[in-house]
Structure formats: C-alpha cells, structure tokens
Amino acid sequence: MSLSNGPLTGIRIVDASTVLAAPFAASLLGDMGAEVIKVELPQTGDPLRGLGPYKEEEPLRWPGMSRNKQSLTLDIRQKEGQEIFKDLLKDADVLIENFRPKTLERWGLGYEELKQVNPKLVMARQSGYGQTGPYAEKAGFGTPATAFSGYTYLQGFSDRHPVSPAFSLMDYISGVFLALGAVSALYNRDAAGTGQGQVVELGLYEAMFRMMDFLVAEYDQLGKVRERAPMLHGHSSPAGTYRTKDHHWVVLVCSTQRTWERLAKAMKQEALLEDQRYRTNADRMEHDKELQEIVSDFISSNNRDELQEKLDQFGVPVSPIMNIKDIFENEQYEARENILEVDHPRLGKVKVPGIVPKFSETPGRIRHRAPDLGEHTESILYRLGYSKERITKLKESGVV
C-alpha cells in the first residue's frame, strides 16, 4: 500500500468559495490527498462557520466540511489582496470559486487574467445558474435551485404541496459534480499531455437535472408531466415504504425481474409468478394497487428483524429506514469506517463522515482538523516569500 495521503497527493487546491456546494467539492478533493488552501475574508470568514447546529456556540457543521483544509485570510477585493491571490495561484492546480458570474472579472481575477499567471490552472466555477444564459447573474442557493431543477415538484404526496429536501441536498450533489469536473480537467491537462488548464463550470440546478433522465424521456416521448407520488412511482413494482408488525418502517424495491421472483418466493407465493397480472414489470405497474396490498400484508405480518433476515436469505433488497441513532449503532457503518473522529480545538473530539470512495492502494485520510479562521495565514505567506514585516503591515491594513 502506498504511503501517500491519497490519489491526489501533490495537487494543490485554492478554495475561494463559501458555504456549501463548492466548499464540499474542495473537501472531497482534500479527502483524496490534495492540499487545500481555503481563502477567507479577514474577520468574518466563510459564512459556513456560522451555520448550525451548534454546541456551546461552536458550529458543528464546520469540522466535517472543512477537515483537510488550511485557512488563509485574504481580502481579494483590495488591490494588494488581488496581487497576493495571484501569487498564491502561481503554483496551484485548481481554483474553486462560487462568486456570482463576472464578480472575479470585475476584480481583475477572471480566467483570462489568471491563466497569464498560471496557464496550467484549472478554474472550477460553481454558480446558481451557470456562467451563461439569461439567468447567469441571478442569485442562487441550493434549495431554490432544487425547485428549479424539477426535483422538488416530484417530492411529497399528490394531495399536498411539493416538499423541499430537509437538508442541502442540491449543494452536496453539485459539489460531487464539480469535483468530478476538476479532476477530469486535471487528467486532460496531465495524462493527455496538453499541459493547459481550463474552466470547468456548472449551475447548481444542472447537477440534479442531469439525474432526471427518466423525466426528460417521459415528457419528450410521451408528453407526460410526472406528478407527485410516494415511492418509486412509475419505475417499478412492487416498490415502496412499508410498516412492519413491530411498527418499524422499511423500504423495499423490485427494480429487476429476478428481484420480483425472489420476493414472491420469500413470501411463499410462487403462484404470483404465473399470474398474468404480475409476470412483467409493465404488468405489475398496471396492477400495482392490488400487488401492493399483497406485499404490505406480508411485511406487516413480520417483525423488522425477522423480515430482514428472511428477505436477505432470498437476496431481496430491503432496508429499515434508519435515523442517525440507528446509524451510529450499525455494524456496517462501523466496519466501513463511515464515521470517524477528529480533533476539535475547543470541543475535544467530534465525529464526522468518513472518507469515500475507498482506494486499495492510495486511500484518502483525514490529515488534519478543520482550521480556525486565518490559522495558516502566516505560514502560507512565508511560503510565498513574504517577510514578517510585510505580513504585519498586511494585517494592519486588513488585507489579511
């Protein structure tokens, strides 16, 4: 096994973004071994530092989002801050930013200017609606973008209003896409031998919309506007959320013909396999209501654990609906190291999500805790060649 810190060891990321989607992309790259320097405004820092939940006024989201990052305070709105920013980018591989489009250009920090400083630089840009189009300069946050993507319209019950996700789902999904774009651009630069950087950009809504292939196909070819419905409505049958005998909730999905056949055998109702109403997925979807009653009766006659054991024996995918207490106590989460413990300067130890995906030869790891604001400012500026006297003056003028 390699002694590296992950497959991106040696890559330097400058994270000039705030709050969720783009900082999450930087966090993922940091988990994979990249050095991540987070640029934050002096005194205030990333607004994420102020988001809840809290313990003793400490924001508890910060340790998980910002592990493996260094914090450099720098006001890039000021001319001297802009020059320092360019110095920082001279040996960087990726700049991640999520200002409104044209903001960096107004400050003389657009890609055309930055590639003069470093032609190998990859600029990963996250914005509400993308860098182009009539909505480009509109403000965009994750929850409104979720509504714009078409996802929110589908969530909830048909007789009630659409339901937004209970957390910042869109931001995290978009962050994954942005990280994918950044490493793809690095691969093109290095493995393909071009030696040239480029701009990678997407709007928040676009990541979720990319996952709506079924919605596009259905409207394009059938003219159908899909409405709200619980479960995997219109995909496969049987599928849904069911209640067990001991009053737990489970989710079961038969997305393939073989899974349906296994379920019928597990229920000891093999005769259903010869019933013309249930032979194919299309047949089952047409007769979903009566089939759901059969499956619901079976599940409600079993306690959760015995149901799980029975369906596991037949290879039927089913899972209890887990709350976070269940997750903390779950043997699979423990075995996969899905929850790790990191140091915190005031709370001692805190738990955060683990590293995914896992690499056999170059596993990522949490190398250091999330930084306090400006914790690494001096060390980074020293590396750039700035003297102690100049750093002092920069602090006095509010540039850092």
Protein backbone atom coordinates (compact mmCIF):
# COMPACT_ATOMS: atom_id res chain seq x y z
CA MET A 1 0.00 0.00 0.00
CA SER A 2 1.26 3.49 -0.87
CA LEU A 3 2.36 5.79 1.94
CA SER A 4 0.70 8.73 0.16
CA ASN A 5 -2.23 10.58 1.66
CA GLY A 6 -4.49 9.70 -1.24
CA PRO A 7 -4.61 9.59 -5.04
CA LEU A 8 -4.48 13.39 -5.33
CA THR A 9 -1.32 13.79 -3.25
CA GLY A 10 0.75 16.59 -4.79
CA ILE A 11 -2.25 18.52 -6.13
CA ARG A 12 -2.76 22.00 -4.69
CA ILE A 13 -6.29 23.45 -4.48
CA VAL A 14 -7.16 27.06 -3.70
CA ASP A 15 -10.71 27.15 -2.33
CA ALA A 16 -12.06 30.68 -2.63
CA SER A 17 -15.68 29.60 -2.24
CA THR A 18 -18.18 29.90 0.58
CA VAL A 19 -20.92 27.90 2.30
CA LEU A 20 -21.74 24.54 0.72
CA ALA A 21 -21.57 23.24 -2.86
CA ALA A 22 -18.13 24.44 -3.95
CA PRO A 23 -16.52 24.06 -0.49
CA PHE A 24 -17.84 20.50 -0.45
CA ALA A 25 -16.10 19.85 -3.77
CA ALA A 26 -12.86 21.13 -2.23
CA SER A 27 -13.44 18.97 0.84
CA LEU A 28 -13.79 15.85 -1.31
CA LEU A 29 -10.55 16.64 -3.13
CA GLY A 30 -8.85 17.24 0.22
CA ASP A 31 -10.02 13.84 1.45
CA MET A 32 -8.33 12.34 -1.60
CA GLY A 33 -4.97 13.85 -0.63
CA ALA A 34 -4.96 17.27 -2.28
CA GLU A 35 -3.56 20.22 -0.34
CA VAL A 36 -6.46 22.65 0.09
CA ILE A 37 -5.89 26.31 0.96
CA LYS A 38 -9.15 27.99 1.89
CA VAL A 39 -9.18 31.74 1.21
CA GLU A 40 -11.49 33.61 3.60
CA LEU A 41 -12.27 37.25 4.27
CA PRO A 42 -10.45 38.63 7.33
CA GLN A 43 -12.58 38.93 10.49
CA THR A 44 -15.68 37.24 9.02
CA GLY A 45 -14.54 34.14 7.13
CA ASP A 46 -16.82 31.69 5.36
CA PRO A 47 -20.47 32.13 6.44
CA LEU A 48 -20.49 28.34 6.89
CA ARG A 49 -18.66 29.00 10.15
CA GLY A 50 -21.90 30.48 11.45
CA LEU A 51 -24.38 27.83 10.33
CA GLY A 52 -25.97 25.45 12.84
CA PRO A 53 -26.32 23.14 14.56
CA TYR A 54 -24.26 24.43 17.48
CA LYS A 55 -22.76 23.28 20.75
CA GLU A 56 -21.51 25.91 23.15
CA GLU A 57 -21.68 28.41 20.25
CA GLU A 58 -19.42 26.16 18.19
CA PRO A 59 -20.79 25.40 14.68
CA LEU A 60 -20.87 21.64 14.34
CA ARG A 61 -21.01 21.53 10.54
CA TRP A 62 -17.60 23.13 10.12
CA PRO A 63 -15.42 20.19 11.30
CA GLY A 64 -16.83 17.79 8.71
CA MET A 65 -16.90 20.21 5.80
CA SER A 66 -13.50 21.80 6.33
CA ARG A 67 -11.21 19.00 7.50
CA ASN A 68 -8.03 18.73 5.43
CA LYS A 69 -8.08 22.48 4.68
CA GLN A 70 -5.78 25.33 5.66
CA SER A 71 -7.23 28.78 6.30
CA LEU A 72 -5.69 31.89 4.73
CA THR A 73 -7.42 35.20 5.42
CA LEU A 74 -7.22 37.46 2.39
CA ASP A 75 -9.38 40.31 1.10
CA ILE A 76 -9.29 39.85 -2.66
CA ARG A 77 -11.50 42.89 -3.13
CA GLN A 78 -8.44 45.05 -2.39
CA LYS A 79 -5.72 45.58 -4.98
CA GLU A 80 -2.95 44.27 -2.73
CA GLY A 81 -5.09 41.25 -1.86
CA GLN A 82 -5.55 40.55 -5.56
CA GLU A 83 -1.80 40.54 -6.11
CA ILE A 84 -1.31 38.11 -3.23
CA PHE A 85 -4.10 35.95 -4.67
CA LYS A 86 -2.25 35.78 -7.98
CA ASP A 87 0.97 34.84 -6.17
CA LEU A 88 -0.92 32.06 -4.43
CA LEU A 89 -2.20 30.73 -7.75
CA LYS A 90 1.18 30.63 -9.47
CA ASP A 91 1.80 27.06 -8.31
CA ALA A 92 -1.81 25.97 -7.75
CA ASP A 93 -3.52 23.27 -9.78
CA VAL A 94 -7.17 24.16 -9.19
CA LEU A 95 -9.04 27.29 -8.15
CA ILE A 96 -12.54 26.60 -6.82
CA GLU A 97 -14.89 29.60 -6.61
CA ASN A 98 -18.60 30.31 -6.40
CA PHE A 99 -18.96 34.07 -6.68
CA ARG A 100 -21.75 35.37 -8.87
CA PRO A 101 -20.65 35.31 -12.53
CA LYS A 102 -18.50 38.30 -13.57
CA THR A 103 -17.58 39.15 -9.97
CA LEU A 104 -13.99 37.92 -10.25
CA GLU A 105 -13.76 39.52 -13.69
CA ARG A 106 -14.65 42.90 -12.17
CA TRP A 107 -11.81 42.44 -9.71
CA GLY A 108 -9.34 41.60 -12.46
CA LEU A 109 -9.28 37.93 -11.41
CA GLY A 110 -11.14 36.31 -14.30
CA TYR A 111 -9.69 33.29 -16.04
CA GLU A 112 -8.14 35.32 -18.85
CA GLU A 113 -6.07 37.22 -16.28
CA LEU A 114 -5.29 34.19 -14.11
CA LYS A 115 -4.07 31.99 -16.95
CA GLN A 116 -1.46 34.65 -17.67
CA VAL A 117 -0.18 33.95 -14.17
CA ASN A 118 -0.55 30.16 -14.44
CA PRO A 119 -1.56 28.63 -17.80
CA LYS A 120 -1.90 25.21 -16.16
CA LEU A 121 -4.57 26.41 -13.74
CA VAL A 122 -7.95 24.66 -13.71
CA MET A 123 -10.71 27.05 -12.63
CA ALA A 124 -13.75 25.23 -11.21
CA ARG A 125 -16.72 27.59 -11.05
CA GLN A 126 -19.98 26.90 -9.23
CA SER A 127 -22.88 29.35 -9.56
CA GLY A 128 -26.64 29.32 -9.24
CA TYR A 129 -27.46 29.10 -12.94
CA GLY A 130 -24.10 28.72 -14.70
CA GLN A 131 -21.84 31.32 -16.28
CA THR A 132 -24.03 31.87 -19.36
CA GLY A 133 -27.70 32.37 -20.21
CA PRO A 134 -30.27 34.99 -19.17
CA TYR A 135 -30.26 33.79 -15.53
CA ALA A 136 -26.46 33.75 -15.16
CA GLU A 137 -26.19 36.69 -12.79
CA LYS A 138 -29.19 35.83 -10.63
CA ALA A 139 -28.57 34.87 -7.02
CA GLY A 140 -28.79 31.13 -6.50
CA PHE A 141 -28.95 28.94 -3.39
CA GLY A 142 -29.36 25.18 -3.20
CA THR A 143 -32.99 24.91 -2.10
CA PRO A 144 -34.37 27.29 -4.77
CA ALA A 145 -32.14 25.55 -7.32
CA THR A 146 -33.69 22.23 -6.27
CA ALA A 147 -37.09 23.65 -7.16
CA PHE A 148 -35.74 24.94 -10.48
CA SER A 149 -34.31 21.52 -11.35
CA GLY A 150 -37.70 19.81 -11.34
CA TYR A 151 -36.85 17.64 -8.34
CA THR A 152 -38.99 19.41 -5.74
CA TYR A 153 -42.10 19.13 -7.91
CA LEU A 154 -41.92 15.34 -7.59
CA GLN A 155 -41.49 15.18 -3.82
CA GLY A 156 -44.40 14.51 -1.48
CA PHE A 157 -47.93 13.20 -1.80
CA SER A 158 -50.27 14.01 -4.66
CA ASP A 159 -52.83 15.73 -2.44
CA ARG A 160 -50.32 18.06 -0.75
CA HIS A 161 -47.84 20.76 -1.68
CA PRO A 162 -44.35 19.86 -3.01
CA VAL A 163 -41.78 19.22 -0.28
CA SER A 164 -38.24 20.57 -0.35
CA PRO A 165 -35.45 18.27 0.92
CA ALA A 166 -34.85 18.55 4.66
CA PHE A 167 -31.18 19.42 4.11
CA SER A 168 -28.96 20.97 1.42
CA LEU A 169 -29.17 18.01 -0.94
CA MET A 170 -28.57 20.02 -4.10
CA ASP A 171 -25.38 21.62 -2.77
CA TYR A 172 -23.80 18.28 -1.95
CA ILE A 173 -24.76 16.69 -5.27
CA SER A 174 -23.47 19.70 -7.17
CA GLY A 175 -20.24 19.58 -5.19
CA VAL A 176 -19.68 16.00 -6.33
CA PHE A 177 -20.16 17.03 -9.98
CA LEU A 178 -17.79 19.99 -9.55
CA ALA A 179 -15.12 17.75 -8.02
CA LEU A 180 -15.56 15.30 -10.91
CA GLY A 181 -15.15 18.15 -13.37
CA ALA A 182 -12.00 19.39 -11.65
CA VAL A 183 -10.22 16.02 -11.66
CA SER A 184 -11.34 15.39 -15.26
CA ALA A 185 -9.72 18.67 -16.28
CA LEU A 186 -6.56 17.71 -14.37
CA TYR A 187 -6.49 14.37 -16.16
CA ASN A 188 -6.81 16.11 -19.52
CA ARG A 189 -4.03 18.52 -18.60
CA ASP A 190 -1.60 15.93 -17.30
CA ALA A 191 -2.37 12.49 -18.72
CA ALA A 192 -3.42 13.76 -22.14
CA GLY A 193 -0.31 15.91 -22.20
CA THR A 194 -1.91 19.22 -23.11
CA GLY A 195 -0.33 21.00 -20.15
CA GLN A 196 -3.15 23.51 -20.35
CA GLY A 197 -5.72 24.41 -17.75
CA GLN A 198 -9.32 25.30 -18.50
CA VAL A 199 -12.58 26.47 -16.93
CA VAL A 200 -15.00 23.88 -15.50
CA GLU A 201 -18.37 25.33 -14.53
CA LEU A 202 -21.93 24.35 -13.73
CA GLY A 203 -25.09 25.79 -12.27
CA LEU A 204 -26.47 24.38 -9.06
CA TYR A 205 -29.64 23.08 -10.71
CA GLU A 206 -27.76 21.29 -13.51
CA ALA A 207 -26.33 18.52 -11.34
CA MET A 208 -29.76 17.41 -10.19
CA PHE A 209 -31.29 17.84 -13.64
CA ARG A 210 -28.61 15.52 -15.05
CA MET A 211 -30.15 12.81 -12.86
CA MET A 212 -33.63 13.39 -14.31
CA ASP A 213 -33.14 11.26 -17.44
CA PHE A 214 -36.44 9.46 -16.83
CA LEU A 215 -38.28 12.78 -16.57
CA VAL A 216 -36.86 14.09 -19.85
CA ALA A 217 -37.58 10.86 -21.71
CA GLU A 218 -41.12 10.65 -20.40
CA TYR A 219 -42.08 14.18 -21.38
CA ASP A 220 -40.26 14.11 -24.72
CA GLN A 221 -41.69 10.83 -25.94
CA LEU A 222 -44.99 10.57 -24.08
CA GLY A 223 -45.86 14.18 -23.43
CA LYS A 224 -46.40 13.28 -19.78
CA VAL A 225 -45.81 15.65 -16.87
CA ARG A 226 -44.99 13.43 -13.92
CA GLU A 227 -46.82 14.40 -10.73
CA ARG A 228 -46.03 13.88 -7.07
CA ALA A 229 -46.37 10.39 -5.69
CA PRO A 230 -44.65 8.48 -2.90
CA MET A 231 -42.27 5.60 -3.61
CA LEU A 232 -40.64 4.86 -6.97
CA HIS A 233 -43.81 5.75 -8.81
CA GLY A 234 -43.76 4.82 -12.46
CA HIS A 235 -40.43 2.98 -12.30
CA SER A 236 -41.01 -0.49 -10.96
CA SER A 237 -43.47 -2.59 -8.98
CA PRO A 238 -43.64 -3.55 -6.23
CA ALA A 239 -41.71 -0.79 -4.51
CA GLY A 240 -42.36 1.46 -1.56
CA THR A 241 -42.33 2.19 2.12
CA TYR A 242 -43.96 -0.43 4.34
CA ARG A 243 -44.69 -0.87 8.03
CA THR A 244 -43.65 -3.99 9.90
CA LYS A 245 -45.52 -5.87 12.59
CA ASP A 246 -43.47 -4.21 15.32
CA HIS A 247 -44.19 -0.73 13.90
CA HIS A 248 -40.92 -0.01 12.09
CA TRP A 249 -40.70 1.35 8.57
CA VAL A 250 -38.76 -0.36 5.79
CA VAL A 251 -38.12 0.35 2.11
CA LEU A 252 -38.28 -2.41 -0.48
CA VAL A 253 -37.76 -2.09 -4.24
CA CYS A 254 -38.07 -4.68 -7.00
CA SER A 255 -36.20 -2.95 -9.81
CA THR A 256 -35.47 -6.17 -11.71
CA GLN A 257 -37.45 -9.22 -12.73
CA ARG A 258 -35.19 -11.52 -10.70
CA THR A 259 -35.79 -9.45 -7.57
CA TRP A 260 -39.53 -9.79 -8.02
CA GLU A 261 -39.18 -13.55 -8.45
CA ARG A 262 -37.12 -13.77 -5.27
CA LEU A 263 -39.68 -11.72 -3.35
CA ALA A 264 -42.53 -13.96 -4.49
CA LYS A 265 -40.59 -16.99 -3.25
CA ALA A 266 -39.73 -15.29 0.04
CA MET A 267 -43.44 -14.57 0.55
CA LYS A 268 -44.18 -18.22 -0.36
CA GLN A 269 -46.45 -17.01 -3.13
CA GLU A 270 -44.78 -18.52 -6.19
CA ALA A 271 -48.21 -18.69 -7.88
CA LEU A 272 -47.95 -14.93 -8.41
CA LEU A 273 -45.16 -15.57 -10.90
CA GLU A 274 -47.61 -17.33 -13.23
CA ASP A 275 -50.34 -14.74 -12.76
CA GLN A 276 -50.69 -12.74 -16.00
CA ARG A 277 -51.16 -9.55 -13.97
CA TYR A 278 -47.70 -9.79 -12.43
CA ARG A 279 -45.49 -11.53 -14.98
CA THR A 280 -43.53 -8.48 -16.19
CA ASN A 281 -42.71 -5.13 -14.65
CA ALA A 282 -45.11 -3.44 -17.07
CA ASP A 283 -47.86 -5.85 -15.97
CA ARG A 284 -47.10 -5.24 -12.31
CA MET A 285 -47.13 -1.47 -12.73
CA GLU A 286 -50.55 -1.73 -14.36
CA HIS A 287 -51.83 -3.74 -11.40
CA ASP A 288 -49.72 -2.05 -8.76
CA LYS A 289 -52.54 -1.31 -6.32
CA GLU A 290 -53.56 -4.92 -5.74
CA LEU A 291 -49.95 -6.10 -5.68
CA GLN A 292 -49.08 -3.50 -3.06
CA GLU A 293 -51.78 -4.92 -0.81
CA ILE A 294 -50.23 -8.39 -1.08
CA VAL A 295 -46.75 -7.12 -0.27
CA SER A 296 -47.99 -4.87 2.54
CA ASP A 297 -49.84 -7.77 4.16
CA PHE A 298 -46.71 -9.91 4.03
CA ILE A 299 -44.45 -7.24 5.53
CA SER A 300 -46.95 -6.26 8.23
CA SER A 301 -47.04 -9.88 9.40
CA ASN A 302 -43.30 -9.88 10.16
CA ASN A 303 -41.24 -8.04 12.73
CA ARG A 304 -38.49 -5.86 11.28
CA ASP A 305 -35.54 -8.11 12.14
CA GLU A 306 -37.19 -11.33 11.03
CA LEU A 307 -38.30 -9.66 7.80
CA GLN A 308 -34.74 -8.51 7.14
CA GLU A 309 -33.35 -11.99 7.78
CA LYS A 310 -35.98 -13.64 5.59
CA LEU A 311 -35.53 -11.31 2.64
CA ASP A 312 -31.73 -11.38 2.95
CA GLN A 313 -31.87 -15.15 2.55
CA PHE A 314 -33.62 -14.73 -0.79
CA GLY A 315 -31.49 -11.77 -1.95
CA VAL A 316 -34.28 -9.19 -1.87
CA PRO A 317 -33.00 -5.61 -1.31
CA VAL A 318 -34.73 -4.19 1.75
CA SER A 319 -33.61 -1.74 4.41
CA PRO A 320 -35.04 -0.33 7.60
CA ILE A 321 -35.46 3.44 7.47
CA MET A 322 -32.54 4.50 9.65
CA ASN A 323 -32.34 7.52 11.90
CA ILE A 324 -28.94 8.84 12.96
CA LYS A 325 -29.01 6.90 16.26
CA ASP A 326 -29.53 3.70 14.26
CA ILE A 327 -26.62 4.66 12.03
CA PHE A 328 -24.24 5.33 14.93
CA GLU A 329 -25.03 1.86 16.31
CA ASN A 330 -24.96 0.00 12.99
CA GLU A 331 -22.30 -2.68 12.42
CA GLN A 332 -21.98 -1.98 8.69
CA TYR A 333 -21.28 1.72 9.25
CA GLU A 334 -18.68 0.73 11.84
CA ALA A 335 -17.00 -1.85 9.62
CA ARG A 336 -16.79 0.61 6.71
CA GLU A 337 -15.43 3.42 8.93
CA ASN A 338 -18.24 5.64 7.71
CA ILE A 339 -18.00 7.71 10.88
CA LEU A 340 -14.59 8.97 12.02
CA GLU A 341 -13.40 11.02 14.96
CA VAL A 342 -11.31 14.18 14.60
CA ASP A 343 -9.76 16.68 16.97
CA HIS A 344 -11.50 19.97 17.71
CA PRO A 345 -9.64 22.90 19.32
CA ARG A 346 -12.41 23.55 21.86
CA LEU A 347 -14.76 20.56 21.90
CA GLY A 348 -12.03 17.92 22.14
CA LYS A 349 -13.20 15.16 19.81
CA VAL A 350 -16.02 15.33 17.28
CA LYS A 351 -17.38 12.75 14.84
CA VAL A 352 -17.58 13.42 11.10
CA PRO A 353 -18.48 11.41 7.99
CA GLY A 354 -15.73 9.09 6.79
CA ILE A 355 -13.77 9.05 3.53
CA VAL A 356 -15.48 7.81 0.37
CA PRO A 357 -14.79 6.30 -2.06
CA LYS A 358 -12.13 3.89 -0.80
CA PHE A 359 -8.90 3.19 -2.70
CA SER A 360 -6.96 -0.05 -2.31
CA GLU A 361 -3.50 1.44 -2.93
CA THR A 362 -3.80 5.16 -2.20
CA PRO A 363 -6.50 5.59 0.44
CA GLY A 364 -7.51 9.07 1.43
CA ARG A 365 -7.49 10.12 5.06
CA ILE A 366 -8.22 12.98 7.40
CA ARG A 367 -4.80 14.52 7.84
CA HIS A 368 -5.77 17.50 9.99
CA ARG A 369 -8.80 19.09 11.60
CA ALA A 370 -10.84 21.96 10.21
CA PRO A 371 -8.93 25.22 10.74
CA ASP A 372 -9.75 28.23 12.82
CA LEU A 373 -10.10 31.42 10.81
CA GLY A 374 -6.72 32.51 9.43
CA GLU A 375 -4.88 29.77 11.27
CA HIS A 376 -2.41 29.21 8.43
CA THR A 377 -2.15 32.76 7.06
CA GLU A 378 1.40 33.40 8.21
CA SER A 379 2.81 30.01 7.17
CA ILE A 380 1.28 30.27 3.69
CA LEU A 381 2.54 33.83 3.17
CA TYR A 382 6.00 32.79 4.38
CA ARG A 383 5.99 30.05 1.75
CA LEU A 384 5.13 32.66 -0.89
CA GLY A 385 8.21 34.63 0.17
CA TYR A 386 6.59 37.38 2.22
CA SER A 387 8.62 38.77 5.11
CA LYS A 388 7.41 39.00 8.69
CA GLU A 389 7.41 42.80 8.41
CA ARG A 390 5.22 42.81 5.31
CA ILE A 391 2.82 40.28 6.84
CA THR A 392 2.46 42.58 9.84
CA LYS A 393 1.64 45.51 7.56
CA LEU A 394 -0.88 43.40 5.64
CA LYS A 395 -2.62 42.54 8.88
CA GLU A 396 -2.68 46.17 9.98
CA SER A 397 -4.25 47.26 6.66
CA GLY A 398 -6.89 44.50 6.80
CA VAL A 399 -5.69 42.75 3.67
CA VAL A 400 -5.12 39.52 5.63
